[in-house]
Amino acid sequence: MRGFTTSMLLVCAAAMLLRPVTVRSEFYQYEDENGNASFTDDPASIPKKMQNKKRVRNDDANSSDRVMRVRIIRDQVLVPVTVAYRGKEVQATFLLDTGANTCTISPALADGLEINPRDAGKSVARVVGGGTYVVGSTKLDYVMVGPNRKYEVGVSVIQGPGNCDGLLGMNFLHGLRYHIDFDTSTIKWGD
């Protein structure tokens, strides 16, 4: 009986070793005072003045936040976003626009974020067809889409298409990898 028990323990131990293991690690990204990205797995090592510019990232290839649902209307990809200004956070829908240099927000969203027009700077927006407009401009605390968060994102306040709250432009999309699946109405972020 003793030999049988030892054999069963060895079989169970071998089965445990063959079982798939999911490994997750968490690391932090932050920008230094020169705008350079730094990475660490120890949040205590992030300088105090950079704590508000940190981003938690999970190194998990199966992470469900890498795939997100979007709405697609006549080949326009409408993406759920979270935007923040001076601590006020709002959920919105932006049109993914690789032709836009910068992100935009509608005047209604600017009101919802309590952006005071006197606090916004002025800039010139050039639109399709060559027209130019003087628009308000400011920086949001952050813009977050799926697993991606960027801080101090410049935006112009201008009325865009009626089916969204703004445009998700290249100043946010630059450097991000994504794949749009038009059949399933999803975006997969990352590789």
C-alpha atoms as a PDB file:
ATOM      1  CA  MET A   1       0.000   0.000   0.000  1.00  0.00           C
ATOM      2  CA  ARG A   2       2.864   2.333   0.778  1.00  0.00           C
ATOM      3  CA  GLY A   3       4.234   1.960  -2.791  1.00  0.00           C
ATOM      4  CA  PHE A   4       0.800   2.730  -4.242  1.00  0.00           C
ATOM      5  CA  THR A   5       0.495   5.929  -2.168  1.00  0.00           C
ATOM      6  CA  THR A   6       3.976   7.071  -3.206  1.00  0.00           C
ATOM      7  CA  SER A   7       3.172   6.353  -6.862  1.00  0.00           C
ATOM      8  CA  MET A   8      -0.095   8.321  -6.638  1.00  0.00           C
ATOM      9  CA  LEU A   9       1.695  11.276  -5.043  1.00  0.00           C
ATOM     10  CA  LEU A  10       4.275  11.250  -7.850  1.00  0.00           C
ATOM     11  CA  VAL A  11       1.529  11.104 -10.506  1.00  0.00           C
ATOM     12  CA  CYS A  12      -0.323  14.019  -8.858  1.00  0.00           C
ATOM     13  CA  ALA A  13       2.900  16.033  -8.603  1.00  0.00           C
ATOM     14  CA  ALA A  14       3.662  15.383 -12.299  1.00  0.00           C
ATOM     15  CA  ALA A  15       0.115  16.404 -13.253  1.00  0.00           C
ATOM     16  CA  MET A  16       0.510  19.662 -11.314  1.00  0.00           C
ATOM     17  CA  LEU A  17       3.728  20.411 -13.200  1.00  0.00           C
ATOM     18  CA  LEU A  18       2.035  19.832 -16.554  1.00  0.00           C
ATOM     19  CA  ARG A  19      -0.894  22.117 -15.754  1.00  0.00           C
ATOM     20  CA  PRO A  20      -0.825  25.423 -17.695  1.00  0.00           C
ATOM     21  CA  VAL A  21       0.120  28.369 -15.554  1.00  0.00           C
ATOM     22  CA  THR A  22      -0.979  31.921 -16.196  1.00  0.00           C
ATOM     23  CA  VAL A  23       1.675  34.413 -15.211  1.00  0.00           C
ATOM     24  CA  ARG A  24       0.867  38.073 -14.852  1.00  0.00           C
ATOM     25  CA  SER A  25       3.227  40.863 -14.080  1.00  0.00           C
ATOM     26  CA  GLU A  26       2.452  44.467 -13.433  1.00  0.00           C
ATOM     27  CA  PHE A  27       4.746  47.308 -14.346  1.00  0.00           C
ATOM     28  CA  TYR A  28       4.494  51.062 -14.343  1.00  0.00           C
ATOM     29  CA  GLN A  29       5.230  53.617 -17.012  1.00  0.00           C
ATOM     30  CA  TYR A  30       5.797  57.279 -16.257  1.00  0.00           C
ATOM     31  CA  GLU A  31       7.193  60.304 -18.040  1.00  0.00           C
ATOM     32  CA  ASP A  32      10.158  62.173 -16.605  1.00  0.00           C
ATOM     33  CA  GLU A  33      10.436  65.969 -16.680  1.00  0.00           C
ATOM     34  CA  ASN A  34      11.900  65.764 -20.232  1.00  0.00           C
ATOM     35  CA  GLY A  35       8.955  63.720 -21.554  1.00  0.00           C
ATOM     36  CA  ASN A  36      10.939  60.456 -21.738  1.00  0.00           C
ATOM     37  CA  ALA A  37       9.079  57.252 -20.895  1.00  0.00           C
ATOM     38  CA  SER A  38      10.482  55.211 -17.997  1.00  0.00           C
ATOM     39  CA  PHE A  39       9.390  51.765 -16.847  1.00  0.00           C
ATOM     40  CA  THR A  40       9.617  50.052 -13.472  1.00  0.00           C
ATOM     41  CA  ASP A  41       8.038  47.166 -11.578  1.00  0.00           C
ATOM     42  CA  ASP A  42       8.439  49.017  -8.262  1.00  0.00           C
ATOM     43  CA  PRO A  43       5.927  51.873  -7.807  1.00  0.00           C
ATOM     44  CA  ALA A  44       7.945  53.194  -4.852  1.00  0.00           C
ATOM     45  CA  SER A  45      10.806  54.032  -7.229  1.00  0.00           C
ATOM     46  CA  ILE A  46       8.685  56.555  -9.189  1.00  0.00           C
ATOM     47  CA  PRO A  47       9.636  60.120  -8.169  1.00  0.00           C
ATOM     48  CA  LYS A  48       6.868  61.817  -6.186  1.00  0.00           C
ATOM     49  CA  LYS A  49       6.423  64.623  -8.738  1.00  0.00           C
ATOM     50  CA  MET A  50       5.858  61.977 -11.467  1.00  0.00           C
ATOM     51  CA  GLN A  51       3.237  59.970  -9.513  1.00  0.00           C
ATOM     52  CA  ASN A  52       0.338  61.713 -11.289  1.00  0.00           C
ATOM     53  CA  LYS A  53       1.842  60.797 -14.669  1.00  0.00           C
ATOM     54  CA  LYS A  54       2.170  57.091 -14.011  1.00  0.00           C
ATOM     55  CA  ARG A  55       0.285  54.395 -15.849  1.00  0.00           C
ATOM     56  CA  VAL A  56      -0.185  50.846 -14.655  1.00  0.00           C
ATOM     57  CA  ARG A  57       0.372  48.285 -17.358  1.00  0.00           C
ATOM     58  CA  ASN A  58      -0.294  44.569 -17.185  1.00  0.00           C
ATOM     59  CA  ASP A  59       2.020  42.329 -19.144  1.00  0.00           C
ATOM     60  CA  ASP A  60      -0.719  39.838 -19.941  1.00  0.00           C
ATOM     61  CA  ALA A  61      -1.159  38.729 -23.547  1.00  0.00           C
ATOM     62  CA  ASN A  62      -4.701  37.545 -22.788  1.00  0.00           C
ATOM     63  CA  SER A  63      -5.790  40.766 -21.125  1.00  0.00           C
ATOM     64  CA  SER A  64      -9.425  41.459 -21.972  1.00  0.00           C
ATOM     65  CA  ASP A  65      -8.909  45.236 -22.052  1.00  0.00           C
ATOM     66  CA  ARG A  66      -6.784  44.893 -25.207  1.00  0.00           C
ATOM     67  CA  VAL A  67      -9.925  44.111 -27.230  1.00  0.00           C
ATOM     68  CA  MET A  68     -12.746  46.616 -27.032  1.00  0.00           C
ATOM     69  CA  ARG A  69     -16.105  47.040 -28.711  1.00  0.00           C
ATOM     70  CA  VAL A  70     -16.609  50.006 -31.006  1.00  0.00           C
ATOM     71  CA  ARG A  71     -19.475  51.292 -33.114  1.00  0.00           C
ATOM     72  CA  ILE A  72     -18.950  51.407 -36.849  1.00  0.00           C
ATOM     73  CA  ILE A  73     -21.267  53.644 -38.859  1.00  0.00           C
ATOM     74  CA  ARG A  74     -20.604  53.921 -42.596  1.00  0.00           C
ATOM     75  CA  ASP A  75     -16.902  53.022 -42.122  1.00  0.00           C
ATOM     76  CA  GLN A  76     -16.524  55.551 -39.294  1.00  0.00           C
ATOM     77  CA  VAL A  77     -15.078  53.972 -36.146  1.00  0.00           C
ATOM     78  CA  LEU A  78     -16.600  55.429 -32.968  1.00  0.00           C
ATOM     79  CA  VAL A  79     -14.519  54.652 -29.891  1.00  0.00           C
ATOM     80  CA  PRO A  80     -15.485  54.942 -26.207  1.00  0.00           C
ATOM     81  CA  VAL A  81     -13.011  57.201 -24.405  1.00  0.00           C
ATOM     82  CA  THR A  82     -12.479  58.634 -20.954  1.00  0.00           C
ATOM     83  CA  VAL A  83     -11.218  62.204 -20.784  1.00  0.00           C
ATOM     84  CA  ALA A  84     -10.232  64.252 -17.742  1.00  0.00           C
ATOM     85  CA  TYR A  85      -9.676  67.949 -17.167  1.00  0.00           C
ATOM     86  CA  ARG A  86      -8.604  69.408 -13.823  1.00  0.00           C
ATOM     87  CA  GLY A  87      -9.695  66.262 -12.022  1.00  0.00           C
ATOM     88  CA  LYS A  88     -13.134  65.997 -13.672  1.00  0.00           C
ATOM     89  CA  GLU A  89     -13.523  62.743 -15.626  1.00  0.00           C
ATOM     90  CA  VAL A  90     -16.119  62.244 -18.387  1.00  0.00           C
ATOM     91  CA  GLN A  91     -17.028  59.289 -20.627  1.00  0.00           C
ATOM     92  CA  ALA A  92     -17.361  60.218 -24.298  1.00  0.00           C
ATOM     93  CA  THR A  93     -17.381  58.828 -27.840  1.00  0.00           C
ATOM     94  CA  PHE A  94     -14.683  59.922 -30.284  1.00  0.00           C
ATOM     95  CA  LEU A  95     -14.324  59.283 -33.995  1.00  0.00           C
ATOM     96  CA  LEU A  96     -10.999  57.548 -34.670  1.00  0.00           C
ATOM     97  CA  ASP A  97      -9.430  59.902 -37.225  1.00  0.00           C
ATOM     98  CA  THR A  98      -5.913  59.170 -38.496  1.00  0.00           C
ATOM     99  CA  GLY A  99      -6.206  62.248 -40.714  1.00  0.00           C
ATOM    100  CA  ALA A 100      -6.483  64.607 -37.738  1.00  0.00           C
ATOM    101  CA  ASN A 101      -3.188  65.882 -36.328  1.00  0.00           C
ATOM    102  CA  THR A 102      -4.702  66.582 -32.919  1.00  0.00           C
ATOM    103  CA  CYS A 103      -7.650  65.429 -30.883  1.00  0.00           C
ATOM    104  CA  THR A 104     -10.718  67.644 -30.792  1.00  0.00           C
ATOM    105  CA  ILE A 105     -13.601  67.960 -28.382  1.00  0.00           C
ATOM    106  CA  SER A 106     -17.043  69.416 -29.020  1.00  0.00           C
ATOM    107  CA  PRO A 107     -18.153  72.594 -27.254  1.00  0.00           C
ATOM    108  CA  ALA A 108     -20.727  70.470 -25.347  1.00  0.00           C
ATOM    109  CA  LEU A 109     -17.958  68.154 -24.051  1.00  0.00           C
ATOM    110  CA  ALA A 110     -15.848  71.197 -23.137  1.00  0.00           C
ATOM    111  CA  ASP A 111     -18.829  72.445 -21.095  1.00  0.00           C
ATOM    112  CA  GLY A 112     -19.187  68.999 -19.472  1.00  0.00           C
ATOM    113  CA  LEU A 113     -15.517  69.135 -18.476  1.00  0.00           C
ATOM    114  CA  GLU A 114     -16.081  72.678 -17.148  1.00  0.00           C
ATOM    115  CA  ILE A 115     -13.398  74.152 -19.421  1.00  0.00           C
ATOM    116  CA  ASN A 116     -13.591  77.902 -19.060  1.00  0.00           C
ATOM    117  CA  PRO A 117     -13.191  79.523 -22.520  1.00  0.00           C
ATOM    118  CA  ARG A 118     -11.056  82.257 -20.898  1.00  0.00           C
ATOM    119  CA  ASP A 119      -8.588  79.559 -19.759  1.00  0.00           C
ATOM    120  CA  ALA A 120      -8.292  78.064 -23.242  1.00  0.00           C
ATOM    121  CA  GLY A 121      -5.705  79.360 -25.674  1.00  0.00           C
ATOM    122  CA  LYS A 122      -6.392  80.080 -29.313  1.00  0.00           C
ATOM    123  CA  SER A 123      -5.142  78.106 -32.285  1.00  0.00           C
ATOM    124  CA  VAL A 124      -5.912  77.802 -35.973  1.00  0.00           C
ATOM    125  CA  ALA A 125      -7.566  74.607 -37.213  1.00  0.00           C
ATOM    126  CA  ARG A 126      -7.249  73.659 -40.864  1.00  0.00           C
ATOM    127  CA  VAL A 127     -10.064  71.457 -42.116  1.00  0.00           C
ATOM    128  CA  VAL A 128     -10.617  69.310 -45.191  1.00  0.00           C
ATOM    129  CA  GLY A 129     -10.998  71.583 -48.203  1.00  0.00           C
ATOM    130  CA  GLY A 130      -8.445  74.100 -46.923  1.00  0.00           C
ATOM    131  CA  GLY A 131     -10.672  76.186 -44.668  1.00  0.00           C
ATOM    132  CA  THR A 132      -9.243  77.544 -41.420  1.00  0.00           C
ATOM    133  CA  TYR A 133     -10.954  78.401 -38.141  1.00  0.00           C
ATOM    134  CA  VAL A 134      -9.767  80.042 -34.947  1.00  0.00           C
ATOM    135  CA  VAL A 135     -10.566  77.581 -32.160  1.00  0.00           C
ATOM    136  CA  GLY A 136     -10.031  77.229 -28.446  1.00  0.00           C
ATOM    137  CA  SER A 137      -7.224  74.929 -27.408  1.00  0.00           C
ATOM    138  CA  THR A 138      -6.160  73.393 -24.123  1.00  0.00           C
ATOM    139  CA  LYS A 139      -4.566  70.280 -22.656  1.00  0.00           C
ATOM    140  CA  LEU A 140      -6.591  67.549 -21.013  1.00  0.00           C
ATOM    141  CA  ASP A 141      -5.208  65.834 -17.908  1.00  0.00           C
ATOM    142  CA  TYR A 142      -5.453  62.583 -19.835  1.00  0.00           C
ATOM    143  CA  VAL A 143      -7.265  60.691 -22.561  1.00  0.00           C
ATOM    144  CA  MET A 144      -7.839  56.966 -22.007  1.00  0.00           C
ATOM    145  CA  VAL A 145      -8.937  54.453 -24.647  1.00  0.00           C
ATOM    146  CA  GLY A 146      -8.949  50.751 -23.740  1.00  0.00           C
ATOM    147  CA  PRO A 147      -5.587  49.991 -22.096  1.00  0.00           C
ATOM    148  CA  ASN A 148      -4.004  53.203 -23.432  1.00  0.00           C
ATOM    149  CA  ARG A 149      -3.738  56.387 -21.396  1.00  0.00           C
ATOM    150  CA  LYS A 150      -1.826  59.482 -22.465  1.00  0.00           C
ATOM    151  CA  TYR A 151      -1.325  62.537 -20.278  1.00  0.00           C
ATOM    152  CA  GLU A 152      -1.344  66.238 -21.150  1.00  0.00           C
ATOM    153  CA  VAL A 153      -3.090  65.651 -24.490  1.00  0.00           C
ATOM    154  CA  GLY A 154      -3.604  68.804 -26.516  1.00  0.00           C
ATOM    155  CA  VAL A 155      -7.139  69.304 -27.880  1.00  0.00           C
ATOM    156  CA  SER A 156      -8.967  71.878 -29.960  1.00  0.00           C
ATOM    157  CA  VAL A 157     -12.547  72.810 -29.125  1.00  0.00           C
ATOM    158  CA  ILE A 158     -14.507  72.619 -32.368  1.00  0.00           C
ATOM    159  CA  GLN A 159     -17.834  71.150 -33.420  1.00  0.00           C
ATOM    160  CA  GLY A 160     -17.254  67.916 -35.302  1.00  0.00           C
ATOM    161  CA  PRO A 161     -19.580  65.315 -36.788  1.00  0.00           C
ATOM    162  CA  GLY A 162     -22.893  65.045 -34.956  1.00  0.00           C
ATOM    163  CA  ASN A 163     -22.486  61.370 -33.991  1.00  0.00           C
ATOM    164  CA  CYS A 164     -19.493  61.895 -31.651  1.00  0.00           C
ATOM    165  CA  ASP A 165     -18.057  64.095 -28.908  1.00  0.00           C
ATOM    166  CA  GLY A 166     -14.706  64.661 -30.607  1.00  0.00           C
ATOM    167  CA  LEU A 167     -11.947  63.253 -32.783  1.00  0.00           C
ATOM    168  CA  LEU A 168      -9.243  60.843 -31.633  1.00  0.00           C
ATOM    169  CA  GLY A 169      -6.313  62.290 -33.571  1.00  0.00           C
ATOM    170  CA  MET A 170      -2.706  61.353 -34.195  1.00  0.00           C
ATOM    171  CA  ASN A 171      -1.364  63.148 -31.111  1.00  0.00           C
ATOM    172  CA  PHE A 172      -3.044  60.303 -29.184  1.00  0.00           C
ATOM    173  CA  LEU A 173      -2.734  57.465 -31.726  1.00  0.00           C
ATOM    174  CA  HIS A 174       0.953  58.038 -32.552  1.00  0.00           C
ATOM    175  CA  GLY A 175       3.044  55.077 -31.451  1.00  0.00           C
ATOM    176  CA  LEU A 176       0.068  52.825 -30.666  1.00  0.00           C
ATOM    177  CA  ARG A 177      -0.515  49.554 -32.491  1.00  0.00           C
ATOM    178  CA  TYR A 178      -4.095  48.530 -33.166  1.00  0.00           C
ATOM    179  CA  HIS A 179      -6.184  46.428 -35.506  1.00  0.00           C
ATOM    180  CA  ILE A 180      -9.806  47.253 -36.353  1.00  0.00           C
ATOM    181  CA  ASP A 181     -12.015  44.241 -37.069  1.00  0.00           C
ATOM    182  CA  PHE A 182     -14.972  45.579 -39.052  1.00  0.00           C
ATOM    183  CA  ASP A 183     -16.754  42.189 -38.943  1.00  0.00           C
ATOM    184  CA  THR A 184     -16.887  42.047 -35.138  1.00  0.00           C
ATOM    185  CA  SER A 185     -16.868  45.831 -34.475  1.00  0.00           C
ATOM    186  CA  THR A 186     -13.816  45.593 -32.227  1.00  0.00           C
ATOM    187  CA  ILE A 187     -10.340  47.075 -31.897  1.00  0.00           C
ATOM    188  CA  LYS A 188      -7.449  44.980 -30.654  1.00  0.00           C
ATOM    189  CA  TRP A 189      -4.716  47.116 -29.081  1.00  0.00           C
ATOM    190  CA  GLY A 190      -1.083  46.010 -29.181  1.00  0.00           C
ATOM    191  CA  ASP A 191       0.547  43.280 -31.234  1.00  0.00           C
END
